Amino acid sequence: MEQDNLLRQLLLLGIGATSLVVDKVREVSDEWVQNGRLRPDQATAFINELVGRLTQGTDWENRLRRQMRDTLRELGIASQSEVDELRGRIDRLERQVRDLENRLWR
């Protein structure tokens, strides 16, 4: 439950950061339109291109995943592969214990 809350917070943090960047870009592009540095259609195209890069870039997703993985590691939460490895070790140890018990009862 706590892990879900952390993941949700990290996702909201990423969305919030993206939203702030988009808002700032809109402000700057509006300024440029008012100053005559950009035409309104250029400003719209610029914003659309930047928003597309921010929201659909795999680099952003990879960075977010890396941050989440690092945060979970710092909190001491095991990864799925670590849990799977431990389950395998437990299974092997249980088999060894059963084998030893069977040998003792023979």
PDB file of N, CA and C in Angstrom:
ATOM      1  N   MET A   1       0.818  -1.188   0.000  1.00  0.00           N
ATOM      2  CA  MET A   1       0.000   0.000   0.000  1.00  0.00           C
ATOM      3  C   MET A   1       0.868   1.260   0.000  1.00  0.00           C
ATOM      4  N   GLU A   2       1.889   1.261   0.857  1.00  0.00           N
ATOM      5  CA  GLU A   2       2.788   2.403   0.940  1.00  0.00           C
ATOM      6  C   GLU A   2       3.559   2.584  -0.360  1.00  0.00           C
ATOM      7  N   GLN A   3       3.918   1.466  -0.989  1.00  0.00           N
ATOM      8  CA  GLN A   3       4.658   1.504  -2.253  1.00  0.00           C
ATOM      9  C   GLN A   3       3.791   2.133  -3.346  1.00  0.00           C
ATOM     10  N   ASP A   4       2.502   1.805  -3.374  1.00  0.00           N
ATOM     11  CA  ASP A   4       1.588   2.399  -4.354  1.00  0.00           C
ATOM     12  C   ASP A   4       1.493   3.902  -4.167  1.00  0.00           C
ATOM     13  N   ASN A   5       1.457   4.333  -2.912  1.00  0.00           N
ATOM     14  CA  ASN A   5       1.379   5.753  -2.619  1.00  0.00           C
ATOM     15  C   ASN A   5       2.634   6.476  -3.097  1.00  0.00           C
ATOM     16  N   LEU A   6       3.787   5.868  -2.892  1.00  0.00           N
ATOM     17  CA  LEU A   6       5.050   6.462  -3.334  1.00  0.00           C
ATOM     18  C   LEU A   6       5.086   6.579  -4.861  1.00  0.00           C
ATOM     19  N   LEU A   7       4.691   5.509  -5.547  1.00  0.00           N
ATOM     20  CA  LEU A   7       4.676   5.536  -7.004  1.00  0.00           C
ATOM     21  C   LEU A   7       3.722   6.612  -7.518  1.00  0.00           C
ATOM     22  N   ARG A   8       2.575   6.722  -6.855  1.00  0.00           N
ATOM     23  CA  ARG A   8       1.584   7.741  -7.248  1.00  0.00           C
ATOM     24  C   ARG A   8       2.173   9.143  -7.072  1.00  0.00           C
ATOM     25  N   GLN A   9       2.855   9.362  -5.944  1.00  0.00           N
ATOM     26  CA  GLN A   9       3.470  10.664  -5.685  1.00  0.00           C
ATOM     27  C   GLN A   9       4.547  10.985  -6.714  1.00  0.00           C
ATOM     28  N   LEU A  10       5.350   9.995  -7.067  1.00  0.00           N
ATOM     29  CA  LEU A  10       6.391  10.219  -8.073  1.00  0.00           C
ATOM     30  C   LEU A  10       5.789  10.552  -9.434  1.00  0.00           C
ATOM     31  N   LEU A  11       4.722   9.848  -9.777  1.00  0.00           N
ATOM     32  CA  LEU A  11       4.050  10.125 -11.044  1.00  0.00           C
ATOM     33  C   LEU A  11       3.471  11.531 -11.050  1.00  0.00           C
ATOM     34  N   LEU A  12       2.825  11.919  -9.952  1.00  0.00           N
ATOM     35  CA  LEU A  12       2.261  13.271  -9.855  1.00  0.00           C
ATOM     36  C   LEU A  12       3.354  14.332  -9.899  1.00  0.00           C
ATOM     37  N   LEU A  13       4.498  14.028  -9.303  1.00  0.00           N
ATOM     38  CA  LEU A  13       5.625  14.957  -9.350  1.00  0.00           C
ATOM     39  C   LEU A  13       6.088  15.171 -10.791  1.00  0.00           C
ATOM     40  N   GLY A  14       6.191  14.082 -11.543  1.00  0.00           N
ATOM     41  CA  GLY A  14       6.586  14.189 -12.947  1.00  0.00           C
ATOM     42  C   GLY A  14       5.580  14.970 -13.766  1.00  0.00           C
ATOM     43  N   ILE A  15       4.295  14.710 -13.530  1.00  0.00           N
ATOM     44  CA  ILE A  15       3.240  15.432 -14.256  1.00  0.00           C
ATOM     45  C   ILE A  15       3.270  16.906 -13.890  1.00  0.00           C
ATOM     46  N   GLY A  16       3.463  17.192 -12.603  1.00  0.00           N
ATOM     47  CA  GLY A  16       3.525  18.583 -12.153  1.00  0.00           C
ATOM     48  C   GLY A  16       4.693  19.331 -12.775  1.00  0.00           C
ATOM     49  N   ALA A  17       5.850  18.677 -12.835  1.00  0.00           N
ATOM     50  CA  ALA A  17       7.027  19.312 -13.430  1.00  0.00           C
ATOM     51  C   ALA A  17       6.799  19.590 -14.911  1.00  0.00           C
ATOM     52  N   THR A  18       6.204  18.634 -15.598  1.00  0.00           N
ATOM     53  CA  THR A  18       5.902  18.819 -17.022  1.00  0.00           C
ATOM     54  C   THR A  18       4.927  19.973 -17.210  1.00  0.00           C
ATOM     55  N   SER A  19       3.933  20.039 -16.361  1.00  0.00           N
ATOM     56  CA  SER A  19       2.940  21.104 -16.439  1.00  0.00           C
ATOM     57  C   SER A  19       3.578  22.473 -16.228  1.00  0.00           C
ATOM     58  N   LEU A  20       4.491  22.569 -15.260  1.00  0.00           N
ATOM     59  CA  LEU A  20       5.182  23.840 -15.011  1.00  0.00           C
ATOM     60  C   LEU A  20       6.013  24.269 -16.212  1.00  0.00           C
ATOM     61  N   VAL A  21       6.691  23.324 -16.822  1.00  0.00           N
ATOM     62  CA  VAL A  21       7.508  23.633 -17.994  1.00  0.00           C
ATOM     63  C   VAL A  21       6.619  24.127 -19.133  1.00  0.00           C
ATOM     64  N   VAL A  22       5.513  23.445 -19.364  1.00  0.00           N
ATOM     65  CA  VAL A  22       4.600  23.844 -20.443  1.00  0.00           C
ATOM     66  C   VAL A  22       4.052  25.234 -20.179  1.00  0.00           C
ATOM     67  N   ASP A  23       3.660  25.519 -18.942  1.00  0.00           N
ATOM     68  CA  ASP A  23       3.145  26.854 -18.604  1.00  0.00           C
ATOM     69  C   ASP A  23       4.190  27.934 -18.859  1.00  0.00           C
ATOM     70  N   LYS A  24       5.420  27.674 -18.457  1.00  0.00           N
ATOM     71  CA  LYS A  24       6.492  28.658 -18.658  1.00  0.00           C
ATOM     72  C   LYS A  24       6.765  28.870 -20.150  1.00  0.00           C
ATOM     73  N   VAL A  25       6.750  27.783 -20.924  1.00  0.00           N
ATOM     74  CA  VAL A  25       6.966  27.898 -22.371  1.00  0.00           C
ATOM     75  C   VAL A  25       5.850  28.721 -23.003  1.00  0.00           C
ATOM     76  N   ARG A  26       4.630  28.516 -22.554  1.00  0.00           N
ATOM     77  CA  ARG A  26       3.505  29.308 -23.079  1.00  0.00           C
ATOM     78  C   ARG A  26       3.703  30.787 -22.762  1.00  0.00           C
ATOM     79  N   GLU A  27       4.132  31.079 -21.537  1.00  0.00           N
ATOM     80  CA  GLU A  27       4.384  32.468 -21.153  1.00  0.00           C
ATOM     81  C   GLU A  27       5.422  33.105 -22.080  1.00  0.00           C
ATOM     82  N   VAL A  28       6.527  32.404 -22.264  1.00  0.00           N
ATOM     83  CA  VAL A  28       7.615  32.928 -23.083  1.00  0.00           C
ATOM     84  C   VAL A  28       7.171  33.089 -24.528  1.00  0.00           C
ATOM     85  N   SER A  29       6.452  32.119 -25.055  1.00  0.00           N
ATOM     86  CA  SER A  29       6.012  32.224 -26.450  1.00  0.00           C
ATOM     87  C   SER A  29       4.998  33.361 -26.621  1.00  0.00           C
ATOM     88  N   ASP A  30       4.126  33.567 -25.623  1.00  0.00           N
ATOM     89  CA  ASP A  30       3.195  34.712 -25.688  1.00  0.00           C
ATOM     90  C   ASP A  30       3.956  36.033 -25.697  1.00  0.00           C
ATOM     91  N   GLU A  31       5.014  36.091 -24.879  1.00  0.00           N
ATOM     92  CA  GLU A  31       5.863  37.280 -24.859  1.00  0.00           C
ATOM     93  C   GLU A  31       6.500  37.519 -26.223  1.00  0.00           C
ATOM     94  N   TRP A  32       7.009  36.459 -26.823  1.00  0.00           N
ATOM     95  CA  TRP A  32       7.658  36.573 -28.123  1.00  0.00           C
ATOM     96  C   TRP A  32       6.665  37.006 -29.195  1.00  0.00           C
ATOM     97  N   VAL A  33       5.441  36.523 -29.095  1.00  0.00           N
ATOM     98  CA  VAL A  33       4.411  36.952 -30.060  1.00  0.00           C
ATOM     99  C   VAL A  33       4.138  38.430 -29.879  1.00  0.00           C
ATOM    100  N   GLN A  34       4.015  38.889 -28.639  1.00  0.00           N
ATOM    101  CA  GLN A  34       3.750  40.304 -28.365  1.00  0.00           C
ATOM    102  C   GLN A  34       4.908  41.191 -28.825  1.00  0.00           C
ATOM    103  N   ASN A  35       6.127  40.703 -28.709  1.00  0.00           N
ATOM    104  CA  ASN A  35       7.309  41.469 -29.120  1.00  0.00           C
ATOM    105  C   ASN A  35       7.581  41.354 -30.615  1.00  0.00           C
ATOM    106  N   GLY A  36       6.827  40.519 -31.300  1.00  0.00           N
ATOM    107  CA  GLY A  36       7.007  40.362 -32.731  1.00  0.00           C
ATOM    108  C   GLY A  36       8.116  39.399 -33.121  1.00  0.00           C
ATOM    109  N   ARG A  37       8.645  38.677 -32.171  1.00  0.00           N
ATOM    110  CA  ARG A  37       9.705  37.715 -32.484  1.00  0.00           C
ATOM    111  C   ARG A  37       9.154  36.441 -33.107  1.00  0.00           C
ATOM    112  N   LEU A  38       7.889  36.130 -32.833  1.00  0.00           N
ATOM    113  CA  LEU A  38       7.221  34.958 -33.390  1.00  0.00           C
ATOM    114  C   LEU A  38       5.824  35.336 -33.849  1.00  0.00           C
ATOM    115  N   ARG A  39       5.370  34.631 -34.888  1.00  0.00           N
ATOM    116  CA  ARG A  39       3.965  34.759 -35.290  1.00  0.00           C
ATOM    117  C   ARG A  39       3.149  33.808 -34.418  1.00  0.00           C
ATOM    118  N   PRO A  40       1.863  34.077 -34.233  1.00  0.00           N
ATOM    119  CA  PRO A  40       1.042  33.194 -33.398  1.00  0.00           C
ATOM    120  C   PRO A  40       1.072  31.731 -33.856  1.00  0.00           C
ATOM    121  N   ASP A  41       1.069  31.501 -35.181  1.00  0.00           N
ATOM    122  CA  ASP A  41       1.101  30.114 -35.657  1.00  0.00           C
ATOM    123  C   ASP A  41       2.446  29.447 -35.353  1.00  0.00           C
ATOM    124  N   GLN A  42       3.528  30.225 -35.392  1.00  0.00           N
ATOM    125  CA  GLN A  42       4.834  29.681 -35.030  1.00  0.00           C
ATOM    126  C   GLN A  42       4.884  29.328 -33.539  1.00  0.00           C
ATOM    127  N   ALA A  43       4.293  30.191 -32.717  1.00  0.00           N
ATOM    128  CA  ALA A  43       4.269  29.948 -31.277  1.00  0.00           C
ATOM    129  C   ALA A  43       3.495  28.673 -30.970  1.00  0.00           C
ATOM    130  N   THR A  44       2.365  28.493 -31.639  1.00  0.00           N
ATOM    131  CA  THR A  44       1.560  27.289 -31.435  1.00  0.00           C
ATOM    132  C   THR A  44       2.334  26.042 -31.848  1.00  0.00           C
ATOM    133  N   ALA A  45       2.987  26.115 -32.995  1.00  0.00           N
ATOM    134  CA  ALA A  45       3.769  24.972 -33.466  1.00  0.00           C
ATOM    135  C   ALA A  45       4.916  24.667 -32.501  1.00  0.00           C
ATOM    136  N   PHE A  46       5.560  25.711 -32.023  1.00  0.00           N
ATOM    137  CA  PHE A  46       6.668  25.564 -31.077  1.00  0.00           C
ATOM    138  C   PHE A  46       6.194  24.868 -29.792  1.00  0.00           C
ATOM    139  N   ILE A  47       5.079  25.335 -29.252  1.00  0.00           N
ATOM    140  CA  ILE A  47       4.538  24.752 -28.020  1.00  0.00           C
ATOM    141  C   ILE A  47       4.141  23.301 -28.246  1.00  0.00           C
ATOM    142  N   ASN A  48       3.458  23.042 -29.356  1.00  0.00           N
ATOM    143  CA  ASN A  48       3.021  21.665 -29.645  1.00  0.00           C
ATOM    144  C   ASN A  48       4.209  20.712 -29.780  1.00  0.00           C
ATOM    145  N   GLU A  49       5.255  21.180 -30.458  1.00  0.00           N
ATOM    146  CA  GLU A  49       6.440  20.334 -30.627  1.00  0.00           C
ATOM    147  C   GLU A  49       7.105  20.059 -29.281  1.00  0.00           C
ATOM    148  N   LEU A  50       7.249  21.087 -28.468  1.00  0.00           N
ATOM    149  CA  LEU A  50       7.895  20.922 -27.172  1.00  0.00           C
ATOM    150  C   LEU A  50       7.076  20.031 -26.249  1.00  0.00           C
ATOM    151  N   VAL A  51       5.776  20.247 -26.216  1.00  0.00           N
ATOM    152  CA  VAL A  51       4.914  19.417 -25.375  1.00  0.00           C
ATOM    153  C   VAL A  51       4.982  17.959 -25.836  1.00  0.00           C
ATOM    154  N   GLY A  52       4.996  17.751 -27.138  1.00  0.00           N
ATOM    155  CA  GLY A  52       5.121  16.389 -27.665  1.00  0.00           C
ATOM    156  C   GLY A  52       6.403  15.725 -27.220  1.00  0.00           C
ATOM    157  N   ARG A  53       7.482  16.470 -27.262  1.00  0.00           N
ATOM    158  CA  ARG A  53       8.772  15.918 -26.829  1.00  0.00           C
ATOM    159  C   ARG A  53       8.780  15.622 -25.328  1.00  0.00           C
ATOM    160  N   LEU A  54       8.176  16.517 -24.557  1.00  0.00           N
ATOM    161  CA  LEU A  54       8.161  16.326 -23.109  1.00  0.00           C
ATOM    162  C   LEU A  54       7.311  15.134 -22.691  1.00  0.00           C
ATOM    163  N   THR A  55       6.159  14.998 -23.303  1.00  0.00           N
ATOM    164  CA  THR A  55       5.217  13.979 -22.838  1.00  0.00           C
ATOM    165  C   THR A  55       5.439  12.615 -23.472  1.00  0.00           C
ATOM    166  N   GLN A  56       6.060  12.554 -24.632  1.00  0.00           N
ATOM    167  CA  GLN A  56       6.190  11.274 -25.300  1.00  0.00           C
ATOM    168  C   GLN A  56       7.626  10.814 -25.458  1.00  0.00           C
ATOM    169  N   GLY A  57       8.548  11.562 -24.949  1.00  0.00           N
ATOM    170  CA  GLY A  57       9.951  11.178 -25.072  1.00  0.00           C
ATOM    171  C   GLY A  57      10.278   9.994 -24.186  1.00  0.00           C
ATOM    172  N   THR A  58      10.891   8.998 -24.758  1.00  0.00           N
ATOM    173  CA  THR A  58      11.257   7.821 -23.966  1.00  0.00           C
ATOM    174  C   THR A  58      12.355   8.168 -22.974  1.00  0.00           C
ATOM    175  N   ASP A  59      13.130   9.190 -23.271  1.00  0.00           N
ATOM    176  CA  ASP A  59      14.184   9.587 -22.351  1.00  0.00           C
ATOM    177  C   ASP A  59      13.573  10.036 -21.026  1.00  0.00           C
ATOM    178  N   TRP A  60      12.483  10.799 -21.093  1.00  0.00           N
ATOM    179  CA  TRP A  60      11.795  11.257 -19.884  1.00  0.00           C
ATOM    180  C   TRP A  60      11.287  10.054 -19.097  1.00  0.00           C
ATOM    181  N   GLU A  61      10.683   9.118 -19.797  1.00  0.00           N
ATOM    182  CA  GLU A  61      10.163   7.923 -19.136  1.00  0.00           C
ATOM    183  C   GLU A  61      11.290   7.118 -18.498  1.00  0.00           C
ATOM    184  N   ASN A  62      12.400   6.987 -19.206  1.00  0.00           N
ATOM    185  CA  ASN A  62      13.539   6.241 -18.665  1.00  0.00           C
ATOM    186  C   ASN A  62      14.113   6.918 -17.428  1.00  0.00           C
ATOM    187  N   ARG A  63      14.205   8.251 -17.472  1.00  0.00           N
ATOM    188  CA  ARG A  63      14.708   8.969 -16.309  1.00  0.00           C
ATOM    189  C   ARG A  63      13.778   8.802 -15.115  1.00  0.00           C
ATOM    190  N   LEU A  64      12.463   8.877 -15.370  1.00  0.00           N
ATOM    191  CA  LEU A  64      11.500   8.708 -14.291  1.00  0.00           C
ATOM    192  C   LEU A  64      11.592   7.304 -13.709  1.00  0.00           C
ATOM    193  N   ARG A  65      11.717   6.295 -14.560  1.00  0.00           N
ATOM    194  CA  ARG A  65      11.849   4.923 -14.080  1.00  0.00           C
ATOM    195  C   ARG A  65      13.115   4.748 -13.253  1.00  0.00           C
ATOM    196  N   ARG A  66      14.213   5.350 -13.735  1.00  0.00           N
ATOM    197  CA  ARG A  66      15.474   5.270 -12.998  1.00  0.00           C
ATOM    198  C   ARG A  66      15.330   5.920 -11.623  1.00  0.00           C
ATOM    199  N   GLN A  67      14.689   7.095 -11.588  1.00  0.00           N
ATOM    200  CA  GLN A  67      14.488   7.786 -10.316  1.00  0.00           C
ATOM    201  C   GLN A  67      13.631   6.949  -9.377  1.00  0.00           C
ATOM    202  N   MET A  68      12.572   6.360  -9.907  1.00  0.00           N
ATOM    203  CA  MET A  68      11.709   5.534  -9.076  1.00  0.00           C
ATOM    204  C   MET A  68      12.472   4.329  -8.535  1.00  0.00           C
ATOM    205  N   ARG A  69      13.243   3.686  -9.401  1.00  0.00           N
ATOM    206  CA  ARG A  69      14.025   2.519  -8.991  1.00  0.00           C
ATOM    207  C   ARG A  69      15.032   2.908  -7.898  1.00  0.00           C
ATOM    208  N   ASP A  70      15.716   4.046  -8.084  1.00  0.00           N
ATOM    209  CA  ASP A  70      16.694   4.493  -7.098  1.00  0.00           C
ATOM    210  C   ASP A  70      16.030   4.846  -5.772  1.00  0.00           C
ATOM    211  N   THR A  71      14.875   5.489  -5.841  1.00  0.00           N
ATOM    212  CA  THR A  71      14.152   5.858  -4.628  1.00  0.00           C
ATOM    213  C   THR A  71      13.696   4.620  -3.872  1.00  0.00           C
ATOM    214  N   LEU A  72      13.158   3.653  -4.598  1.00  0.00           N
ATOM    215  CA  LEU A  72      12.719   2.408  -3.956  1.00  0.00           C
ATOM    216  C   LEU A  72      13.895   1.674  -3.337  1.00  0.00           C
ATOM    217  N   ARG A  73      15.040   1.690  -4.017  1.00  0.00           N
ATOM    218  CA  ARG A  73      16.244   1.041  -3.478  1.00  0.00           C
ATOM    219  C   ARG A  73      16.690   1.741  -2.199  1.00  0.00           C
ATOM    220  N   GLU A  74      16.649   3.090  -2.183  1.00  0.00           N
ATOM    221  CA  GLU A  74      17.038   3.833  -0.988  1.00  0.00           C
ATOM    222  C   GLU A  74      16.104   3.542   0.184  1.00  0.00           C
ATOM    223  N   LEU A  75      14.840   3.283  -0.125  1.00  0.00           N
ATOM    224  CA  LEU A  75      13.879   2.968   0.927  1.00  0.00           C
ATOM    225  C   LEU A  75      13.985   1.517   1.389  1.00  0.00           C
ATOM    226  N   GLY A  76      14.812   0.732   0.708  1.00  0.00           N
ATOM    227  CA  GLY A  76      15.008  -0.657   1.091  1.00  0.00           C
ATOM    228  C   GLY A  76      13.941  -1.596   0.561  1.00  0.00           C
ATOM    229  N   ILE A  77      13.220  -1.187  -0.478  1.00  0.00           N
ATOM    230  CA  ILE A  77      12.180  -2.025  -1.069  1.00  0.00           C
ATOM    231  C   ILE A  77      12.817  -2.881  -2.156  1.00  0.00           C
ATOM    232  N   ALA A  78      12.625  -4.175  -2.036  1.00  0.00           N
ATOM    233  CA  ALA A  78      13.253  -5.114  -2.976  1.00  0.00           C
ATOM    234  C   ALA A  78      12.588  -5.038  -4.345  1.00  0.00           C
ATOM    235  N   SER A  79      13.393  -5.267  -5.369  1.00  0.00           N
ATOM    236  CA  SER A  79      12.856  -5.328  -6.731  1.00  0.00           C
ATOM    237  C   SER A  79      12.212  -6.691  -6.954  1.00  0.00           C
ATOM    238  N   GLN A  80      11.421  -6.788  -8.012  1.00  0.00           N
ATOM    239  CA  GLN A  80      10.759  -8.050  -8.310  1.00  0.00           C
ATOM    240  C   GLN A  80      11.769  -9.159  -8.572  1.00  0.00           C
ATOM    241  N   SER A  81      12.849  -8.846  -9.259  1.00  0.00           N
ATOM    242  CA  SER A  81      13.854  -9.879  -9.532  1.00  0.00           C
ATOM    243  C   SER A  81      14.511 -10.359  -8.244  1.00  0.00           C
ATOM    244  N   GLU A  82      14.741  -9.449  -7.285  1.00  0.00           N
ATOM    245  CA  GLU A  82      15.308  -9.857  -6.001  1.00  0.00           C
ATOM    246  C   GLU A  82      14.345 -10.757  -5.231  1.00  0.00           C
ATOM    247  N   VAL A  83      13.060 -10.411  -5.255  1.00  0.00           N
ATOM    248  CA  VAL A  83      12.048 -11.236  -4.584  1.00  0.00           C
ATOM    249  C   VAL A  83      11.985 -12.609  -5.232  1.00  0.00           C
ATOM    250  N   ASP A  84      12.007 -12.641  -6.564  1.00  0.00           N
ATOM    251  CA  ASP A  84      11.970 -13.919  -7.281  1.00  0.00           C
ATOM    252  C   ASP A  84      13.186 -14.779  -6.939  1.00  0.00           C
ATOM    253  N   GLU A  85      14.351 -14.156  -6.866  1.00  0.00           N
ATOM    254  CA  GLU A  85      15.569 -14.888  -6.513  1.00  0.00           C
ATOM    255  C   GLU A  85      15.458 -15.475  -5.110  1.00  0.00           C
ATOM    256  N   LEU A  86      14.951 -14.695  -4.167  1.00  0.00           N
ATOM    257  CA  LEU A  86      14.787 -15.192  -2.799  1.00  0.00           C
ATOM    258  C   LEU A  86      13.778 -16.334  -2.734  1.00  0.00           C
ATOM    259  N   ARG A  87      12.712 -16.239  -3.500  1.00  0.00           N
ATOM    260  CA  ARG A  87      11.736 -17.326  -3.543  1.00  0.00           C
ATOM    261  C   ARG A  87      12.389 -18.615  -4.042  1.00  0.00           C
ATOM    262  N   GLY A  88      13.216 -18.491  -5.059  1.00  0.00           N
ATOM    263  CA  GLY A  88      13.929 -19.658  -5.580  1.00  0.00           C
ATOM    264  C   GLY A  88      14.850 -20.259  -4.542  1.00  0.00           C
ATOM    265  N   ARG A  89      15.556 -19.412  -3.813  1.00  0.00           N
ATOM    266  CA  ARG A  89      16.459 -19.909  -2.768  1.00  0.00           C
ATOM    267  C   ARG A  89      15.676 -20.606  -1.660  1.00  0.00           C
ATOM    268  N   ILE A  90      14.535 -20.035  -1.292  1.00  0.00           N
ATOM    269  CA  ILE A  90      13.693 -20.646  -0.257  1.00  0.00           C
ATOM    270  C   ILE A  90      13.194 -22.009  -0.729  1.00  0.00           C
ATOM    271  N   ASP A  91      12.754 -22.082  -1.982  1.00  0.00           N
ATOM    272  CA  ASP A  91      12.294 -23.368  -2.535  1.00  0.00           C
ATOM    273  C   ASP A  91      13.400 -24.421  -2.463  1.00  0.00           C
ATOM    274  N   ARG A  92      14.623 -24.042  -2.853  1.00  0.00           N
ATOM    275  CA  ARG A  92      15.741 -24.991  -2.810  1.00  0.00           C
ATOM    276  C   ARG A  92      16.037 -25.431  -1.381  1.00  0.00           C
ATOM    277  N   LEU A  93      16.020 -24.494  -0.446  1.00  0.00           N
ATOM    278  CA  LEU A  93      16.279 -24.834   0.954  1.00  0.00           C
ATOM    279  C   LEU A  93      15.189 -25.745   1.512  1.00  0.00           C
ATOM    280  N   GLU A  94      13.940 -25.476   1.160  1.00  0.00           N
ATOM    281  CA  GLU A  94      12.852 -26.352   1.625  1.00  0.00           C
ATOM    282  C   GLU A  94      13.026 -27.772   1.091  1.00  0.00           C
ATOM    283  N   ARG A  95      13.437 -27.898  -0.172  1.00  0.00           N
ATOM    284  CA  ARG A  95      13.680 -29.217  -0.748  1.00  0.00           C
ATOM    285  C   ARG A  95      14.815 -29.931  -0.015  1.00  0.00           C
ATOM    286  N   GLN A  96      15.856 -29.192   0.289  1.00  0.00           N
ATOM    287  CA  GLN A  96      16.986 -29.782   1.013  1.00  0.00           C
ATOM    288  C   GLN A  96      16.560 -30.256   2.406  1.00  0.00           C
ATOM    289  N   VAL A  97      15.744 -29.465   3.078  1.00  0.00           N
ATOM    290  CA  VAL A  97      15.263 -29.844   4.408  1.00  0.00           C
ATOM    291  C   VAL A  97      14.403 -31.102   4.310  1.00  0.00           C
ATOM    292  N   ARG A  98      13.504 -31.161   3.323  1.00  0.00           N
ATOM    293  CA  ARG A  98      12.673 -32.350   3.135  1.00  0.00           C
ATOM    294  C   ARG A  98      13.529 -33.579   2.857  1.00  0.00           C
ATOM    295  N   ASP A  99      14.550 -33.415   2.007  1.00  0.00           N
ATOM    296  CA  ASP A  99      15.444 -34.532   1.706  1.00  0.00           C
ATOM    297  C   ASP A  99      16.153 -35.018   2.969  1.00  0.00           C
ATOM    298  N   LEU A 100      16.624 -34.097   3.796  1.00  0.00           N
ATOM    299  CA  LEU A 100      17.294 -34.469   5.025  1.00  0.00           C
ATOM    300  C   LEU A 100      16.327 -35.174   5.978  1.00  0.00           C
ATOM    301  N   GLU A 101      15.100 -34.650   6.075  1.00  0.00           N
ATOM    302  CA  GLU A 101      14.105 -35.297   6.919  1.00  0.00           C
ATOM    303  C   GLU A 101      13.799 -36.714   6.435  1.00  0.00           C
ATOM    304  N   ASN A 102      13.683 -36.870   5.130  1.00  0.00           N
ATOM    305  CA  ASN A 102      13.404 -38.200   4.561  1.00  0.00           C
ATOM    306  C   ASN A 102      14.547 -39.174   4.853  1.00  0.00           C
ATOM    307  N   ARG A 103      15.771 -38.704   4.808  1.00  0.00           N
ATOM    308  CA  ARG A 103      16.925 -39.564   5.092  1.00  0.00           C
ATOM    309  C   ARG A 103      16.934 -39.989   6.557  1.00  0.00           C
ATOM    310  N   LEU A 104      16.547 -39.077   7.445  1.00  0.00           N
ATOM    311  CA  LEU A 104      16.528 -39.396   8.867  1.00  0.00           C
ATOM    312  C   LEU A 104      15.469 -40.439   9.195  1.00  0.00           C
ATOM    313  N   TRP A 105      14.372 -40.453   8.475  1.00  0.00           N
ATOM    314  CA  TRP A 105      13.263 -41.365   8.777  1.00  0.00           C
ATOM    315  C   TRP A 105      13.402 -42.726   8.111  1.00  0.00           C
ATOM    316  N   ARG A 106      14.400 -42.923   7.334  1.00  0.00           N
ATOM    317  CA  ARG A 106      14.590 -44.215   6.647  1.00  0.00           C
ATOM    318  C   ARG A 106      15.219 -45.224   7.515  1.00  0.00           C
TER     319      ARG A 106
END
